Protein backbone atom coordinates (compact mmCIF):
# COMPACT_ATOMS: atom_id res chain seq x y z
CA MET A 1 74.17 153.88 113.02
CA ALA A 2 76.24 150.71 112.64
CA ARG A 3 76.01 148.87 109.36
CA LYS A 4 73.69 145.90 109.09
CA VAL A 5 75.41 142.54 108.76
CA GLY A 6 74.09 139.74 106.63
CA ILE A 7 74.75 136.00 106.63
CA CYS A 8 75.28 135.34 102.93
CA ALA A 9 76.15 131.64 102.94
CA ILE A 10 76.06 128.68 105.28
CA ALA A 11 77.88 125.36 104.93
CA GLN A 12 78.16 122.24 107.05
CA THR A 13 79.68 118.82 106.89
CA THR A 14 77.62 115.92 108.06
CA TYR A 15 77.66 115.29 111.80
CA GLU A 16 78.67 111.75 112.65
CA LYS A 17 79.80 109.80 115.70
CA ASN A 18 83.24 109.11 114.26
CA LYS A 19 84.58 110.84 111.15
CA TRP A 20 87.78 108.82 111.51
CA GLY A 21 88.76 109.28 107.86
CA ALA A 22 88.72 113.09 107.90
CA ARG A 23 91.30 115.41 109.42
CA PHE A 24 90.26 118.77 110.88
CA GLN A 25 91.59 120.57 107.82
CA GLU A 26 89.62 118.36 105.46
CA MET A 27 86.37 119.10 107.27
CA ALA A 28 87.10 122.83 107.24
CA LEU A 29 88.06 122.75 103.56
CA GLU A 30 84.74 121.09 102.70
CA VAL A 31 82.95 123.98 104.40
CA LEU A 32 85.11 126.67 102.78
CA GLU A 33 84.75 125.25 99.27
CA SER A 34 80.97 125.09 99.66
CA ILE A 35 80.86 128.75 100.72
CA GLN A 36 83.05 129.74 97.78
CA GLN A 37 80.85 127.78 95.39
CA GLN A 38 77.72 129.45 96.73
CA THR A 39 79.08 133.00 96.62
CA GLY A 40 82.18 133.21 94.42
CA VAL A 41 84.09 134.79 97.30
CA ASP A 42 87.89 134.64 97.30
CA PHE A 43 90.78 135.87 99.44
CA SER A 44 91.60 138.97 97.43
CA GLU A 45 91.61 142.48 98.88
CA THR A 46 87.89 142.75 98.10
CA GLY A 47 87.09 139.25 99.37
CA ILE A 48 87.65 137.58 102.72
CA THR A 49 89.97 139.75 104.80
CA MET A 50 89.15 138.31 108.20
CA SER A 51 88.77 134.66 109.23
CA ILE A 52 87.49 133.39 112.57
CA SER A 53 88.06 129.78 113.58
CA VAL A 54 86.24 127.90 116.30
CA SER A 55 88.20 125.11 117.97
CA ASP A 56 89.21 123.71 121.34
CA ASP A 57 92.72 122.67 122.33
CA VAL A 58 91.58 119.75 124.47
CA PHE A 59 89.18 118.29 121.91
CA ASP A 60 91.84 118.80 119.20
CA ALA A 61 94.54 117.32 121.47
CA ARG A 62 96.97 120.11 120.57
CA THR A 63 97.86 123.55 121.89
CA ILE A 64 96.92 126.59 119.80
CA SER A 65 94.45 124.43 117.90
CA ASP A 66 93.65 127.15 115.37
CA ASN A 67 97.26 127.27 114.18
CA ALA A 68 96.83 124.18 112.01
CA MET A 69 93.78 125.71 110.30
CA THR A 70 95.37 128.82 108.78
CA ASP A 71 96.17 127.17 105.44
CA VAL A 72 92.47 126.45 104.99
CA LEU A 73 91.08 129.65 106.48
CA GLY A 74 93.20 131.97 104.36
CA ALA A 75 93.16 135.72 104.96
CA HIS A 76 96.90 135.45 105.69
CA LEU A 77 97.50 139.15 105.13
CA GLY A 78 94.40 140.07 107.07
CA CYS A 79 93.10 139.13 110.48
CA GLU A 80 92.82 135.55 111.74
CA GLU A 81 91.20 135.05 115.12
CA LYS A 82 90.03 132.15 117.25
CA ILE A 83 86.97 131.48 119.34
CA ALA A 84 87.07 128.65 121.85
CA GLN A 85 84.15 127.04 123.65
CA GLU A 86 80.69 128.26 122.54
CA GLY A 87 80.84 128.64 118.75
CA ILE A 88 78.11 131.25 118.34
CA GLN A 89 80.56 133.76 119.82
CA ALA A 90 82.26 133.73 116.40
CA LEU A 91 79.06 135.23 114.99
CA TYR A 92 79.32 138.03 117.56
CA TYR A 93 82.98 138.59 116.75
CA GLY A 94 82.35 138.82 113.01
CA LEU A 95 79.37 141.10 113.58
CA ALA A 96 81.48 143.46 115.70
CA ALA A 97 84.33 143.48 113.19
CA ILE A 98 82.01 144.53 110.37
CA GLN A 99 79.94 147.01 112.37
CA SER A 100 83.14 148.66 113.59
CA GLY A 101 84.05 149.43 109.99
CA HIS A 102 87.28 147.43 110.07
CA GLU A 103 86.04 144.58 107.86
CA ASP A 104 83.51 144.00 105.07
CA VAL A 105 83.68 140.24 104.53
CA VAL A 106 84.30 137.74 107.35
CA LEU A 107 84.64 133.97 107.12
CA ILE A 108 83.69 131.78 110.10
CA VAL A 109 84.64 128.10 110.23
CA GLY A 110 84.28 125.89 113.30
CA HIS A 111 85.33 122.26 113.71
CA CYS A 112 85.36 119.58 116.38
CA LYS A 113 86.01 115.84 116.60
CA GLU A 114 84.62 114.65 119.91
CA SER A 115 85.28 111.04 118.92
CA GLN A 116 89.06 111.20 119.19
CA GLY A 117 89.10 111.76 122.94
CA LYS A 118 88.83 108.83 125.33
CA SER A 119 85.84 110.43 127.01
CA ARG A 120 83.88 113.60 126.40
CA ASN A 121 83.16 113.71 130.13
CA MET A 122 86.91 113.79 130.86
CA VAL A 123 87.19 116.87 128.65
CA THR A 124 84.36 118.75 130.38
CA HIS A 125 85.71 117.66 133.77
CA LEU A 126 88.59 120.08 133.11
CA ALA A 127 86.18 123.03 133.16
CA PHE A 128 85.92 122.75 136.95
CA ASP A 129 88.35 124.18 139.47
CA PRO A 130 91.10 121.75 140.53
CA PHE A 131 90.72 122.12 144.29
CA PHE A 132 87.01 121.79 145.16
CA THR A 133 84.92 120.42 142.29
CA ARG A 134 87.26 118.27 140.19
CA PRO A 135 88.07 116.00 143.14
CA VAL A 136 84.39 115.03 143.47
CA GLY A 137 84.29 114.02 139.80
CA LEU A 138 82.04 116.70 138.34
CA ASP A 139 81.67 117.00 134.57
CA PHE A 140 79.00 118.59 132.36
CA CYS A 141 76.85 115.44 132.42
CA ALA A 142 76.85 115.16 136.21
CA ALA A 143 76.16 118.90 136.50
CA ALA A 144 73.26 118.55 134.09
CA GLY A 145 71.84 115.76 136.26
CA LEU A 146 71.79 118.09 139.26
CA GLN A 147 70.11 120.81 137.20
CA ALA A 148 67.60 118.35 135.70
CA GLN A 149 66.54 117.33 139.21
CA ALA A 150 66.10 120.97 140.23
CA TYR A 151 64.09 121.71 137.10
CA ALA A 152 61.90 118.63 137.54
CA MET A 153 61.00 119.78 141.06
CA LYS A 154 60.11 123.22 139.69
CA SER A 155 58.15 122.17 136.59
CA GLY A 156 56.91 118.66 137.39
CA ILE A 157 58.40 117.29 134.18
CA GLY A 158 58.88 113.53 134.23
CA ASP A 159 60.31 110.59 132.33
CA GLU A 160 57.45 110.39 129.83
CA GLU A 161 57.65 114.06 128.85
CA LEU A 162 61.43 113.86 128.47
CA ALA A 163 61.01 110.84 126.22
CA ARG A 164 58.55 112.76 124.04
CA ILE A 165 61.19 115.44 123.50
CA VAL A 166 63.74 112.84 122.39
CA VAL A 167 61.32 111.03 120.09
CA ARG A 168 60.33 114.26 118.33
CA SER A 169 63.99 115.23 117.95
CA SER A 170 64.70 111.88 116.29
CA GLU A 171 61.75 112.29 113.93
CA ASN A 172 63.03 115.68 112.83
CA ALA A 173 66.62 114.49 112.59
CA VAL A 174 65.89 111.85 109.96
CA LYS A 175 64.76 114.67 107.63
CA ASN A 176 68.07 116.49 108.07
CA PRO A 177 70.70 115.37 105.52
CA MET A 178 73.46 116.62 107.82
CA LEU A 179 72.57 113.80 110.25
CA PRO A 180 73.01 110.62 108.20
CA GLU A 181 73.19 108.37 111.26
CA ALA A 182 69.89 109.58 112.72
CA LYS A 183 67.12 107.05 113.30
CA LYS A 184 63.61 107.32 114.66
CA LEU A 185 63.29 106.34 118.30
CA THR A 186 60.25 105.09 120.17
CA MET A 187 59.02 106.07 123.60
CA LYS A 188 59.77 102.55 124.78
CA GLU A 189 63.39 102.71 123.57
CA VAL A 190 64.00 106.06 125.23
CA MET A 191 62.41 105.14 128.54
CA ALA A 192 64.31 101.85 128.64
CA SER A 193 67.71 103.45 128.08
CA PRO A 194 69.97 103.41 131.16
CA MET A 195 70.36 106.27 133.59
CA ILE A 196 73.61 108.20 133.25
CA ALA A 197 72.93 111.05 135.70
CA ASP A 198 69.49 110.68 137.27
CA PRO A 199 67.03 111.73 135.81
CA ILE A 200 69.03 111.90 132.56
CA ARG A 201 68.97 108.69 130.53
CA ALA A 202 71.48 107.73 127.86
CA LEU A 203 69.08 108.69 125.05
CA HIS A 204 68.33 112.03 126.75
CA ALA A 205 71.90 113.15 126.00
CA TYR A 206 73.24 114.34 122.65
CA PRO A 207 75.51 111.82 120.91
CA VAL A 208 79.27 112.13 120.50
CA SER A 209 79.62 114.12 117.28
CA ASP A 210 82.26 115.12 114.73
CA GLY A 211 81.78 117.83 112.13
CA ALA A 212 82.35 121.37 110.89
CA VAL A 213 80.21 124.40 110.10
CA GLY A 214 80.84 127.80 108.53
CA MET A 215 79.27 131.08 107.44
CA LEU A 216 80.11 134.13 105.37
CA LEU A 217 79.23 137.45 107.03
CA VAL A 218 79.07 140.55 104.84
CA ALA A 219 78.44 144.27 105.38
CA GLU A 220 75.07 145.56 104.19
CA ASP A 221 76.44 147.63 101.31
CA ARG A 222 78.20 144.60 99.79
CA VAL A 223 75.71 141.81 100.43
CA LYS A 224 74.34 141.80 96.88
CA GLU A 225 77.78 140.80 95.57
CA PHE A 226 77.35 137.42 97.23
CA THR A 227 73.65 136.54 97.60
CA ASP A 228 70.09 137.56 96.80
CA THR A 229 68.81 136.04 100.04
CA PRO A 230 70.75 137.45 102.99
CA VAL A 231 69.83 136.73 106.60
CA TRP A 232 70.27 139.78 108.81
CA ILE A 233 71.64 139.61 112.33
CA LYS A 234 69.16 141.79 114.23
CA GLY A 235 70.31 141.38 117.82
CA VAL A 236 72.72 139.45 120.00
CA GLY A 237 73.17 138.99 123.71
CA ASN A 238 75.08 136.83 126.16
CA CYS A 239 75.50 136.41 129.90
CA MET A 240 77.55 134.22 132.23
CA ASP A 241 76.39 132.97 135.62
CA SER A 242 78.63 132.33 138.63
CA PHE A 243 81.52 129.90 138.26
CA PHE A 244 80.78 127.76 141.32
CA MET A 245 77.55 125.79 140.97
CA GLY A 246 76.86 126.18 144.68
CA ASP A 247 76.53 129.93 144.15
CA ARG A 248 73.74 129.47 141.60
CA ASN A 249 70.05 128.64 141.58
CA LEU A 250 70.25 125.90 138.96
CA ALA A 251 66.58 126.15 137.98
CA SER A 252 66.48 129.95 137.72
CA ASN A 253 67.67 130.48 134.11
CA PHE A 254 69.41 133.62 135.37
CA ALA A 255 72.05 133.94 132.64
CA LEU A 256 69.70 132.97 129.82
CA LYS A 257 67.09 135.52 130.85
CA LYS A 258 69.73 138.26 130.91
CA ALA A 259 71.16 137.22 127.54
CA ALA A 260 67.69 137.13 125.97
CA GLN A 261 66.82 140.51 127.44
CA ILE A 262 69.88 142.08 125.79
CA ALA A 263 69.25 140.43 122.41
CA TYR A 264 65.54 141.33 122.35
CA LYS A 265 66.23 144.97 123.19
CA ARG A 266 68.76 145.22 120.34
CA ALA A 267 66.34 143.53 117.94
CA GLY A 268 63.35 145.63 119.03
CA ILE A 269 61.35 142.62 120.28
CA ASP A 270 58.70 143.24 122.94
CA ASN A 271 56.84 139.92 122.85
CA PRO A 272 59.21 136.98 122.33
CA GLY A 273 56.36 134.49 122.65
CA LYS A 274 55.05 135.59 119.25
CA ALA A 275 58.20 136.94 117.60
CA PHE A 276 59.79 133.87 116.01
CA ASP A 277 58.87 131.54 113.16
CA ILE A 278 61.90 129.34 113.87
CA ILE A 279 63.59 128.59 117.20
CA GLU A 280 66.84 126.63 117.46
CA VAL A 281 67.95 125.95 121.04
CA SER A 282 71.03 124.05 122.16
CA ASP A 283 69.42 121.13 123.97
CA GLN A 284 72.38 118.99 124.96
CA TYR A 285 70.00 117.11 127.27
CA ALA A 286 66.27 116.59 126.86
CA TYR A 287 65.20 118.56 129.96
CA GLN A 288 66.98 121.63 128.59
CA GLN A 289 64.61 122.19 125.70
CA PRO A 290 61.62 123.26 127.85
CA MET A 291 63.86 124.84 130.47
CA TRP A 292 65.62 127.05 127.93
CA MET A 293 62.27 128.00 126.38
CA GLU A 294 61.23 129.32 129.77
CA GLY A 295 64.48 131.28 130.06
CA LEU A 296 63.91 132.76 126.61
CA GLY A 297 60.56 134.10 127.77
CA ILE A 298 58.68 132.15 125.10
CA ILE A 299 56.77 130.17 127.71
CA ASP A 300 56.11 131.09 131.33
CA ASP A 301 58.39 130.01 134.17
CA GLY A 302 57.63 126.51 135.41
CA LYS A 303 55.32 125.74 132.46
CA GLY A 304 57.71 123.59 130.45
CA ASN A 305 55.98 120.35 131.38
CA GLU A 306 52.59 121.70 130.34
CA TRP A 307 54.13 123.06 127.11
CA ILE A 308 55.46 119.60 126.20
CA LYS A 309 52.10 117.96 126.89
CA LYS A 310 50.33 120.48 124.62
CA ASP A 311 52.75 119.81 121.70
CA GLY A 312 54.42 123.19 122.22
CA PRO A 313 57.71 122.30 120.49
CA GLN A 314 55.90 121.58 117.22
CA LYS A 315 53.63 124.62 117.48
CA ASN A 316 56.65 126.89 118.11
CA ASN A 317 58.80 125.23 115.41
CA VAL A 318 61.50 124.41 117.92
CA ASN A 319 64.52 122.50 116.59
CA ILE A 320 63.03 121.46 113.28
CA SER A 321 66.60 120.39 112.45
CA GLY A 322 66.61 117.84 115.27
CA GLY A 323 68.54 120.19 117.53
CA THR A 324 71.74 119.55 119.43
CA LEU A 325 70.01 116.53 120.93
CA ALA A 326 70.16 114.85 117.50
CA GLY A 327 73.90 115.43 117.11
CA SER A 328 76.35 118.30 116.76
CA PRO A 329 79.53 118.92 118.74
CA LEU A 330 79.23 120.65 122.11
CA LEU A 331 81.75 123.27 121.00
CA LEU A 332 79.75 124.18 117.88
CA GLY A 333 76.28 123.97 119.42
CA GLY A 334 75.16 127.59 119.08
CA LEU A 335 76.89 128.11 115.74
CA VAL A 336 75.12 125.07 114.27
CA ARG A 337 71.82 126.33 115.67
CA ALA A 338 72.43 129.70 113.98
CA ALA A 339 73.32 127.92 110.75
CA GLU A 340 70.14 125.85 110.83
CA ALA A 341 68.03 128.92 111.59
CA ALA A 342 69.64 130.85 108.73
CA ILE A 343 69.09 127.95 106.32
CA GLN A 344 65.38 128.06 107.17
CA LEU A 345 65.22 131.82 106.62
CA LYS A 346 66.99 131.49 103.27
CA GLY A 347 64.41 128.89 102.23
CA GLU A 348 67.05 126.20 101.73
CA ALA A 349 65.91 123.60 104.29
CA GLY A 350 64.42 121.09 101.83
CA ASP A 351 62.07 118.55 103.39
CA ARG A 352 62.26 120.27 106.77
CA GLN A 353 61.48 123.76 105.42
CA VAL A 354 58.98 125.85 107.40
CA ALA A 355 56.84 127.87 104.99
CA ASN A 356 57.24 131.66 104.99
CA ALA A 357 59.74 131.75 107.86
CA LYS A 358 60.82 135.35 108.41
CA THR A 359 62.31 135.54 111.91
CA ALA A 360 64.39 133.13 113.94
CA LEU A 361 66.16 132.75 117.25
CA ALA A 362 69.41 130.82 117.67
CA HIS A 363 70.71 129.86 121.12
CA GLY A 364 74.01 128.53 122.38
CA VAL A 365 75.08 127.34 125.81
CA MET A 366 78.37 126.35 127.38
CA GLY A 367 79.62 125.50 130.83
CA PRO A 368 78.15 123.26 133.52
CA ALA A 369 74.38 123.42 134.02
CA GLY A 370 73.81 126.31 131.63
CA GLN A 371 76.48 128.62 133.01
CA PHE A 372 76.97 130.71 129.84
CA HIS A 373 74.17 131.52 127.39
CA SER A 374 74.22 133.32 124.05
CA ILE A 375 71.38 134.47 121.78
CA ALA A 376 71.19 135.67 118.16
CA VAL A 377 68.03 137.05 116.57
CA LEU A 378 67.91 136.61 112.79
CA GLU A 379 65.62 137.98 110.09
CA ARG A 380 65.08 137.10 106.45
CA GLY A 381 66.30 139.76 103.99
C-alpha cells in the first residue's frame, strides 16, 4: 500500500488587488520562510529534496516563469518541477512523488500577480483556439456568462440569490486576515453593480488578485519530525471536459462529477452530502458556488437555488474563508482552497475556525466554463 502523505505546514501571503511593491521572489520567500519557521525544515539531504512551483508564463510576462524562482525554492541538487494553470495539481504531483517512494519531503510554492497585466480577460482569451473562438472575443468571463445563463435556466437561480452568495462571501472574507482589502457588501450594492456578462454582475466576479501560497508535504513515517497536527490527503481526482464549448452541455457538471467520483472512491466516501465538515470550492463567479455543489454530489442536481434560499452554504460550511469570490488568483484557486481547508483541519483558522472539523473537501477549476475540475479530500490527523 502506498504511504500516506501529510500536509505539515501551510503558508500564504495576503491577497491584494495590486502588490506593486513585491516581486514574485519576495512573495515566494515570505511563504518559504513561514514554512521553515513552522517546521524547522531545511534543504539538506534529509529536508526538502523536491520543490514544485506554480506559475504562468503569461501572467508572469516571461517564458519559463519558474526559472526565476529556483533561488527561492531551493532543492537545487534534487528535483524542481513546475505546474501551470490550476494550482491544486501541485498537490497531486507532490502526493505522487512521495507515494512512489522517490521523495519524502516536498515543498510547494505558487505565485501570481494578476495586476501586472493590462487585462485578466486578455490573458484568458489566449486559452481559446486561434481560428474559431478567439476571433469572436471569448474569454473566461464571457464563457462564464454563457454557462451562468444555462445554469439559471436549469436551477431557476436569479439575481437575488446570486447577491446573497456574494454578501455571505464578503462577510466571511472580513474575518480572514489574508484578505486585508475585504469589506462587507450589501444586497443593494451587489444588485446595483453593472453587468459584465449577463447574468454576471461586476460584484459576482472574483477581484483581480496578487499573492502566493505554499505547503510542505511529508511521507507518513516522517511527519512527526515536522508537526503534531498533520492533515492527510485521503483522495484526489480530476477530469477535463471537451475543449470546444459547443461540444459541451454547460450546465451538466460532467467533468466535476467525474473528478468527484474518482476522489470519493479513493477516499472511501459513499455519501458526500454528509462527509465533510469543511468545503472550499473555487467560485470565481457567484453562480458557480451552487452549481459546483451540485456537481460534487453534495446537493441534488438543479437544487442550487433552493439550497441558497435555505441557507445551505452556511449549514455546509462552504467557503468559510470567503472563497475565491473574495479574492485569490485564478491560477492558485484550488491550491488556496486546499490551504484554507487544511488550516481549518489543523485548528489554526482563528476567528473563522469551525469547531471540531475533521474532514474537508478542496476544489479547483480551470478553463472556460468549468472545463477542468480537480478535487482533494483531506482529513485531520
